[in-house]
Protein backbone atom coordinates (compact mmCIF):
# COMPACT_ATOMS: atom_id res chain seq x y z
CA MET A 1 31.98 -61.21 -8.59
CA LYS A 2 34.71 -60.03 -10.95
CA SER A 3 35.14 -56.22 -11.17
CA SER A 4 33.25 -55.85 -7.91
CA CYS A 5 34.06 -52.12 -7.82
CA ALA A 6 31.70 -51.49 -10.74
CA ALA A 7 28.32 -50.01 -9.87
CA LEU A 8 26.72 -52.06 -12.66
CA GLN A 9 27.58 -55.69 -13.40
CA VAL A 10 26.27 -57.40 -16.55
CA ALA A 11 26.64 -61.20 -16.39
CA GLN A 12 25.78 -63.51 -19.28
CA ALA A 13 25.93 -67.31 -19.09
CA GLN A 14 24.38 -70.29 -20.83
CA THR A 15 20.90 -71.50 -19.94
CA GLY A 16 20.88 -74.00 -17.10
CA SER A 17 24.36 -73.06 -15.88
CA GLY A 18 23.33 -71.84 -12.42
CA LYS A 19 22.94 -68.07 -12.84
CA THR A 20 20.41 -67.81 -10.02
CA PHE A 21 22.79 -69.33 -7.49
CA ALA A 22 25.53 -67.09 -8.92
CA PHE A 23 23.73 -64.07 -7.52
CA VAL A 24 21.80 -65.63 -4.62
CA ILE A 25 24.78 -67.18 -2.80
CA PRO A 26 27.13 -64.13 -2.87
CA THR A 27 24.25 -61.82 -1.95
CA ILE A 28 23.29 -63.88 1.10
CA ALA A 29 26.93 -64.39 2.11
CA ARG A 30 27.50 -60.64 1.98
CA LEU A 31 24.49 -59.96 4.20
CA VAL A 32 25.48 -62.66 6.69
CA LEU A 33 29.07 -61.40 6.94
CA ARG A 34 28.34 -57.67 7.03
CA GLY A 35 24.91 -57.73 8.60
CA CYS A 36 21.89 -55.67 7.58
CA PRO A 37 21.74 -51.97 8.42
CA ALA A 38 19.32 -50.87 11.12
CA ARG A 39 15.99 -49.82 9.65
CA PRO A 40 12.76 -48.58 11.20
CA PHE A 41 9.85 -51.01 11.42
CA PHE A 42 6.57 -50.70 13.30
CA PRO A 43 4.27 -53.75 12.89
CA GLY A 44 0.70 -53.11 11.92
CA PRO A 45 -1.20 -50.90 9.47
CA THR A 46 1.54 -48.24 9.34
CA ALA A 47 4.34 -50.75 8.62
CA GLN A 48 6.62 -50.13 5.67
CA ALA A 49 9.01 -52.72 4.20
CA CYS A 50 12.61 -51.47 3.87
CA PRO A 51 14.56 -54.20 2.05
CA VAL A 52 18.33 -54.25 1.65
CA VAL A 53 18.30 -56.51 -1.43
CA MET A 54 15.79 -56.38 -4.29
CA VAL A 55 15.50 -59.00 -7.05
CA LEU A 56 13.29 -58.04 -10.01
CA SER A 57 11.91 -60.78 -12.27
CA PRO A 58 9.72 -60.58 -15.39
CA THR A 59 7.17 -63.22 -14.29
CA ARG A 60 5.37 -64.19 -11.10
CA GLU A 61 6.59 -67.77 -11.28
CA LEU A 62 10.23 -66.70 -11.49
CA ALA A 63 9.85 -64.29 -8.56
CA ILE A 64 8.31 -67.07 -6.46
CA GLN A 65 11.03 -69.56 -7.46
CA THR A 66 13.83 -67.11 -6.64
CA CYS A 67 12.30 -66.35 -3.25
CA THR A 68 12.00 -70.08 -2.51
CA GLU A 69 15.70 -70.54 -3.28
CA MET A 70 16.49 -67.59 -1.02
CA GLU A 71 14.49 -69.23 1.78
CA VAL A 72 16.45 -72.47 1.45
CA LEU A 73 19.82 -70.72 1.54
CA THR A 74 18.95 -68.32 4.38
CA LYS A 75 17.77 -71.10 6.67
CA GLY A 76 19.59 -70.81 9.98
CA THR A 77 20.27 -67.10 9.49
CA LYS A 78 18.16 -64.21 10.71
CA LEU A 79 17.54 -62.98 7.18
CA SER A 80 13.95 -62.68 5.99
CA GLN A 81 12.60 -62.64 2.45
CA MET A 82 9.31 -62.09 0.67
CA SER A 83 7.96 -62.52 -2.85
CA ILE A 84 5.80 -59.74 -4.27
CA TYR A 85 3.78 -60.27 -7.44
CA GLY A 86 0.45 -59.62 -9.09
CA GLY A 87 -2.37 -62.10 -8.77
CA GLU A 88 -3.01 -61.53 -5.08
CA THR A 89 -4.77 -58.41 -3.82
CA ILE A 90 -2.83 -55.41 -2.55
CA LYS A 91 -4.45 -56.01 0.85
CA GLU A 92 -3.04 -59.55 0.98
CA THR A 93 0.43 -58.30 0.07
CA ALA A 94 0.18 -55.43 2.57
CA ARG A 95 -0.82 -57.87 5.32
CA ARG A 96 2.42 -59.80 4.75
CA VAL A 97 4.44 -56.57 4.74
CA GLU A 98 2.88 -55.52 8.06
CA ALA A 99 3.81 -58.74 9.87
CA ALA A 100 7.61 -58.51 10.16
CA PRO A 101 10.72 -56.73 8.79
CA ILE A 102 11.91 -57.87 5.35
CA ASP A 103 15.56 -57.98 4.25
CA ILE A 104 15.19 -59.41 0.72
CA ILE A 105 12.36 -58.80 -1.73
CA CYS A 106 11.82 -60.87 -4.91
CA ALA A 107 9.29 -59.02 -7.03
CA THR A 108 7.71 -58.33 -10.37
CA PRO A 109 7.95 -54.63 -11.33
CA GLY A 110 4.23 -53.90 -11.61
CA ARG A 111 3.27 -55.04 -8.12
CA LEU A 112 6.40 -53.44 -6.64
CA ILE A 113 5.38 -50.06 -8.05
CA GLN A 114 1.88 -50.51 -6.62
CA LEU A 115 3.35 -51.07 -3.14
CA LEU A 116 5.56 -48.00 -3.55
CA ASP A 117 2.51 -45.95 -4.52
CA GLU A 118 0.66 -47.30 -1.46
CA THR A 119 3.68 -46.29 0.71
CA LYS A 120 3.95 -49.89 1.95
CA LEU A 121 7.50 -50.11 0.64
CA SER A 122 10.60 -47.90 0.76
CA LEU A 123 13.75 -48.44 -1.31
CA ALA A 124 15.87 -46.04 0.75
CA TYR A 125 18.00 -48.82 2.27
CA VAL A 126 18.55 -50.96 -0.84
CA GLN A 127 22.22 -51.88 -1.29
CA THR A 128 21.91 -54.46 -4.08
CA VAL A 129 19.52 -54.60 -7.04
CA ILE A 130 19.39 -57.71 -9.23
CA LEU A 131 17.59 -57.83 -12.57
CA ASP A 132 17.01 -61.47 -13.46
CA GLU A 133 16.39 -62.18 -17.16
CA ALA A 134 17.71 -58.67 -17.65
CA ASP A 135 17.16 -58.44 -21.40
CA GLN A 136 13.43 -58.97 -20.92
CA MET A 137 13.36 -56.58 -17.96
CA LEU A 138 14.85 -53.77 -20.06
CA GLU A 139 12.54 -54.04 -23.05
CA GLN A 140 9.28 -52.26 -23.82
CA ARG A 141 6.85 -51.84 -20.91
CA LEU A 142 9.11 -53.40 -18.29
CA GLU A 143 11.91 -50.97 -19.19
CA ILE A 144 9.72 -48.02 -18.17
CA MET A 145 8.81 -49.72 -14.89
CA CYS A 146 12.42 -50.62 -14.10
CA ALA A 147 13.59 -47.07 -14.81
CA ASP A 148 10.85 -45.75 -12.50
CA ILE A 149 11.93 -48.11 -9.71
CA LEU A 150 15.67 -47.54 -10.08
CA VAL A 151 15.84 -43.79 -10.65
CA GLY A 152 12.36 -42.36 -10.06
CA ARG A 153 11.81 -43.37 -6.44
CA ASP A 154 13.74 -43.16 -3.15
CA MET A 155 16.43 -45.71 -4.00
CA PRO A 156 20.02 -44.59 -3.23
CA PRO A 157 22.05 -43.66 -6.34
CA PRO A 158 24.96 -45.84 -7.53
CA SER A 159 27.34 -43.21 -6.11
CA SER A 160 26.23 -44.28 -2.61
CA GLY A 161 27.75 -47.74 -3.16
CA ARG A 162 24.52 -49.39 -4.27
CA GLN A 163 25.25 -52.09 -6.86
CA THR A 164 23.07 -53.27 -9.75
CA LEU A 165 23.55 -56.78 -11.17
CA LEU A 166 22.06 -57.93 -14.49
CA PHE A 167 21.81 -61.64 -15.33
CA SER A 168 20.56 -63.47 -18.43
CA ALA A 169 21.51 -66.08 -21.01
CA THR A 170 20.84 -63.51 -23.74
CA ILE A 171 21.88 -59.87 -23.50
CA PRO A 172 21.81 -58.23 -26.95
CA GLN A 173 24.24 -55.39 -27.62
CA LYS A 174 21.41 -52.84 -27.73
CA ILE A 175 20.54 -53.75 -24.12
CA ARG A 176 24.19 -53.45 -23.07
CA ASP A 177 24.33 -50.02 -24.70
CA MET A 178 21.16 -48.92 -22.90
CA CYS A 179 22.26 -49.98 -19.42
CA PRO A 180 24.39 -46.97 -18.37
CA GLN A 181 21.67 -44.51 -19.43
CA ILE A 182 18.70 -46.39 -17.95
CA LEU A 183 20.46 -47.44 -14.75
CA ARG A 184 22.50 -44.23 -14.22
CA ALA A 185 25.75 -46.18 -13.74
CA SER A 186 29.06 -44.63 -14.77
CA ARG A 187 31.16 -47.76 -14.14
CA THR A 188 30.10 -51.04 -15.75
CA GLY A 189 31.61 -54.53 -15.59
CA HIS A 190 30.82 -57.37 -18.01
CA LEU A 191 31.21 -61.10 -17.39
CA THR A 192 30.46 -63.73 -20.05
CA ILE A 193 30.59 -67.50 -19.49
CA GLY A 194 30.20 -70.10 -22.26
CA HIS A 195 30.57 -70.00 -26.03
CA TYR A 196 29.03 -66.86 -27.47
CA ALA A 197 29.45 -64.84 -30.63
CA GLU A 198 28.71 -61.12 -30.40
CA ASP A 199 25.23 -60.81 -28.87
CA LYS A 200 24.02 -64.36 -29.51
CA GLY A 201 23.05 -66.49 -26.53
CA GLY A 202 24.34 -69.97 -25.88
CA SER A 203 22.99 -73.27 -24.64
CA CYS A 204 24.78 -75.89 -22.60
CA GLU A 205 26.65 -78.58 -24.53
CA SER A 206 24.71 -81.26 -22.63
CA ILE A 207 21.58 -80.36 -24.64
CA LYS A 208 21.13 -82.05 -27.99
CA GLN A 209 19.03 -79.94 -30.37
CA VAL A 210 16.94 -81.52 -33.13
CA ILE A 211 14.92 -79.62 -35.76
CA ARG A 212 12.11 -81.42 -37.64
CA TRP A 213 10.27 -80.25 -40.75
CA SER A 214 6.53 -80.40 -40.10
CA PRO A 215 4.42 -77.98 -42.17
CA ASP A 216 1.28 -77.54 -40.05
CA ASP A 217 -0.21 -78.08 -36.58
CA LYS A 218 -2.43 -80.98 -37.67
CA GLN A 219 0.55 -83.02 -38.85
CA ARG A 220 2.61 -81.99 -35.83
CA ILE A 221 0.15 -83.37 -33.29
CA GLY A 222 0.54 -86.88 -34.69
CA GLU A 223 4.32 -86.50 -34.86
CA LEU A 224 4.41 -85.13 -31.33
CA ILE A 225 2.54 -88.12 -29.92
CA ARG A 226 4.87 -90.53 -31.72
CA ASP A 227 7.95 -88.59 -30.62
CA LEU A 228 6.83 -88.55 -26.99
CA ARG A 229 6.23 -92.29 -26.93
CA ALA A 230 9.54 -92.98 -28.67
CA HIS A 231 11.34 -90.73 -26.19
CA TRP A 232 9.83 -92.51 -23.18
CA ASP A 233 10.76 -95.88 -24.65
CA ARG A 234 14.41 -94.86 -24.25
CA ASN A 235 14.40 -92.23 -21.49
CA LYS A 236 12.85 -91.25 -18.21
CA GLY A 237 12.01 -87.73 -17.17
CA ARG A 238 9.34 -85.18 -17.83
CA VAL A 239 8.55 -83.01 -20.83
CA VAL A 240 7.92 -79.30 -21.42
CA ILE A 241 6.12 -78.37 -24.66
CA PHE A 242 6.04 -74.75 -25.84
CA SER A 243 3.43 -73.16 -28.07
CA ASN A 244 3.12 -69.56 -29.22
CA MET A 245 -0.59 -69.19 -28.45
CA ARG A 246 -2.73 -69.90 -25.39
CA ILE A 247 -5.41 -71.67 -27.44
CA THR A 248 -2.78 -74.00 -28.91
CA ALA A 249 -1.53 -74.82 -25.41
CA ASP A 250 -5.09 -75.63 -24.30
CA ASN A 251 -5.78 -77.81 -27.34
CA LEU A 252 -2.47 -79.66 -27.08
CA ALA A 253 -3.01 -80.46 -23.42
CA HIS A 254 -6.48 -81.87 -24.14
CA GLN A 255 -5.20 -83.93 -27.10
CA LEU A 256 -2.40 -85.46 -25.04
CA GLN A 257 -4.76 -86.19 -22.16
CA ARG A 258 -7.01 -88.08 -24.59
CA GLU A 259 -3.95 -90.17 -25.48
CA GLY A 260 -3.67 -91.21 -21.83
CA MET A 261 -0.77 -88.88 -20.97
CA THR A 262 -0.72 -86.90 -17.72
CA CYS A 263 -0.59 -83.29 -18.81
CA ARG A 264 -1.47 -79.72 -17.73
CA HIS A 265 -1.20 -76.37 -19.48
CA LEU A 266 0.19 -73.06 -18.21
CA HIS A 267 -0.22 -69.55 -19.62
CA GLY A 268 -0.49 -65.98 -18.44
CA LYS A 269 -4.29 -65.71 -18.54
CA LEU A 270 -4.86 -68.40 -15.92
CA ASP A 271 -5.78 -67.25 -12.41
CA GLN A 272 -2.75 -66.90 -10.13
CA GLU A 273 -3.97 -69.70 -7.87
CA VAL A 274 -4.26 -72.05 -10.87
CA ARG A 275 -0.84 -71.01 -12.19
CA GLU A 276 0.81 -71.74 -8.85
CA LYS A 277 -0.98 -75.09 -8.56
CA VAL A 278 0.19 -76.17 -12.04
CA PHE A 279 3.72 -74.86 -11.42
CA ASP A 280 4.04 -76.64 -8.05
CA GLY A 281 2.40 -79.81 -9.35
CA PHE A 282 4.88 -80.15 -12.19
CA ARG A 283 7.83 -79.56 -9.87
CA ARG A 284 6.52 -82.27 -7.54
CA GLY A 285 6.08 -84.73 -10.40
CA GLU A 286 2.28 -84.96 -10.26
CA PHE A 287 2.12 -85.09 -14.08
CA ASP A 288 4.59 -85.79 -16.88
CA ILE A 289 3.95 -83.05 -19.45
CA LEU A 290 3.68 -79.29 -19.08
CA VAL A 291 2.34 -77.44 -22.14
CA ALA A 292 3.14 -73.76 -21.82
CA THR A 293 3.47 -70.43 -23.54
CA ASN A 294 6.52 -68.23 -22.94
CA VAL A 295 5.48 -67.69 -19.32
CA ALA A 296 7.53 -70.84 -18.56
CA SER A 297 10.46 -70.16 -20.87
CA ARG A 298 12.47 -67.84 -18.64
CA GLY A 299 14.59 -69.02 -15.73
CA LEU A 300 12.19 -71.59 -14.30
CA ASP A 301 14.00 -74.66 -13.01
CA PHE A 302 11.97 -77.86 -13.18
CA PRO A 303 13.73 -81.04 -12.04
CA ASP A 304 14.10 -84.07 -14.31
CA VAL A 305 13.03 -82.45 -17.59
CA SER A 306 14.61 -84.71 -20.20
CA LEU A 307 12.82 -83.28 -23.25
CA VAL A 308 11.74 -79.84 -24.43
CA VAL A 309 9.54 -79.62 -27.53
CA GLN A 310 8.85 -76.38 -29.37
CA PHE A 311 5.55 -77.15 -31.07
CA ASN A 312 5.76 -73.69 -32.66
CA LEU A 313 9.03 -71.89 -33.25
CA PRO A 314 9.21 -68.31 -31.96
CA GLU A 315 10.20 -65.43 -34.24
CA ASP A 316 13.09 -64.45 -31.97
CA ILE A 317 16.14 -66.67 -31.47
CA ASP A 318 16.49 -65.42 -27.88
CA VAL A 319 13.11 -66.95 -27.04
CA TYR A 320 14.25 -70.21 -28.66
CA THR A 321 17.40 -70.10 -26.50
CA HIS A 322 15.50 -69.73 -23.24
CA ARG A 323 13.00 -72.44 -24.14
CA VAL A 324 15.81 -74.89 -24.91
CA GLY A 325 17.29 -74.11 -21.50
CA ARG A 326 14.42 -75.76 -19.60
CA THR A 327 16.27 -79.06 -20.09
CA GLY A 328 19.94 -79.93 -19.56
CA ARG A 329 19.99 -78.00 -16.28
CA ILE A 330 23.23 -77.94 -14.24
CA GLY A 331 25.08 -80.35 -16.51
CA GLN A 332 22.31 -82.92 -16.95
CA VAL A 333 21.74 -84.41 -20.40
CA GLY A 334 18.71 -83.10 -22.26
CA LEU A 335 17.02 -83.20 -25.66
CA ALA A 336 15.44 -80.13 -27.28
CA MET A 337 13.24 -80.77 -30.30
CA ALA A 338 11.53 -78.18 -32.50
CA TYR A 339 9.03 -78.48 -35.34
CA MET A 340 9.52 -76.11 -38.26
CA GLY A 341 7.37 -75.14 -41.24
CA PRO A 342 7.03 -72.63 -44.09
CA LYS A 343 5.83 -69.88 -41.72
CA ASP A 344 9.12 -69.86 -39.81
CA LYS A 345 11.02 -67.69 -42.30
CA LYS A 346 11.93 -65.01 -39.79
CA VAL A 347 13.93 -67.31 -37.51
CA ALA A 348 15.51 -69.61 -40.13
CA THR A 349 18.86 -67.85 -40.61
CA GLN A 350 19.20 -67.09 -36.89
CA LEU A 351 18.52 -70.75 -36.12
CA VAL A 352 21.27 -71.95 -38.47
CA ASP A 353 23.73 -69.55 -36.83
CA PHE A 354 22.67 -70.60 -33.33
CA LEU A 355 22.98 -74.32 -34.04
CA GLU A 356 26.44 -73.82 -35.55
CA LEU A 357 27.52 -71.66 -32.62
CA ASN A 358 26.47 -74.41 -30.21
CA ARG A 359 28.06 -77.20 -32.27
CA GLN A 360 24.76 -78.81 -33.19
CA GLU A 361 23.83 -80.57 -36.41
CA VAL A 362 22.13 -78.32 -38.96
CA PRO A 363 19.73 -80.37 -41.11
CA ASP A 364 19.97 -79.87 -44.87
CA PHE A 365 16.35 -78.74 -45.17
CA LEU A 366 16.97 -75.94 -42.65
CA ARG A 367 20.14 -74.74 -44.36
CA ASP A 368 18.40 -74.76 -47.77
CA PHE A 369 15.35 -73.00 -46.34
CA ALA A 370 17.52 -70.28 -44.78
CA ILE A 371 19.38 -69.74 -48.07
CA ARG A 372 16.06 -69.34 -49.95
CA VAL A 373 14.79 -66.89 -47.34
CA GLU A 374 17.96 -64.78 -47.55
CA THR A 375 17.91 -64.86 -51.37
CA LEU A 376 14.32 -63.58 -51.46
CA ARG A 377 15.09 -60.93 -48.86
CA HIS A 378 17.99 -59.52 -50.89
CA ARG A 379 15.86 -59.39 -54.07
CA ARG A 380 13.32 -57.07 -52.46
């Protein structure tokens, strides 16, 4: 990577542009060329994992996906990898740790800390730390966990040569400003790819974005069914639909199933076994529509998604950006549609700016709505 001498690298690129491979391939190549340092390992109940590379992800699904991609690219090498996440018992995770040495760990912060507390994991040999979806990793509860992992345990300091890499499509300036303090890095490099303005994220030009005015959920369901059928009349491919609430995701999935469409829903309150089954089933093409909350908005790469629908708009434009990025992956053409209503005041102005930044058509109703919102805000 550019500015490779920096202890901390912050890389920002458009959704669907291949950020995961941008850190996976160089990381594996480096390990293959230089080899892994010798580390102690004694199989059995006293075993302790001593990884050289650690990838932290905000969700279980993303940790699993990253580990799967690592497995594909390390085939034929002697490198080993393991995913660590909540949803399975500590005993199950410990059993996997005790079986064989591990070079690369792909983990969620909570379960990683549990393993550290159980002394089943040591960070003393870590040379590279990667924070995927870094803006989410360094906010609120996850920020505390990441700080604990990076500076509160036995991980070598940046002065030892250990490098930290941050990747996301959206890295607000406040997160950039926080990085040196949280991550204890004196030298920082920044790399930005795509068209961005200040701290706004970007989407790939191969994604067409369409905003529809639809005041309430009852009206939207009918419009959604018509839009899905019209889309499939002209296009192939699968569909991801985002809602803001779990109950909405459940109801939407049932409504679409009653219309004869193959559909499943995914949200954070489902059992881990069910989540993995839905996730794998959609990737294999067992059903056409995935209705999800934000658990599926970050980093997940589903093949052949030709349409993303935001049944409810989020309040944050960064969430909108990541949702849009589930289609148009790696240069493919995609359509991202969103329904908007009177309740979406908070995101209106941000949405106008984002569409203009990404050279998308801004409908007149949205521009007028944003002007009214800003006028009222300035009067208060």
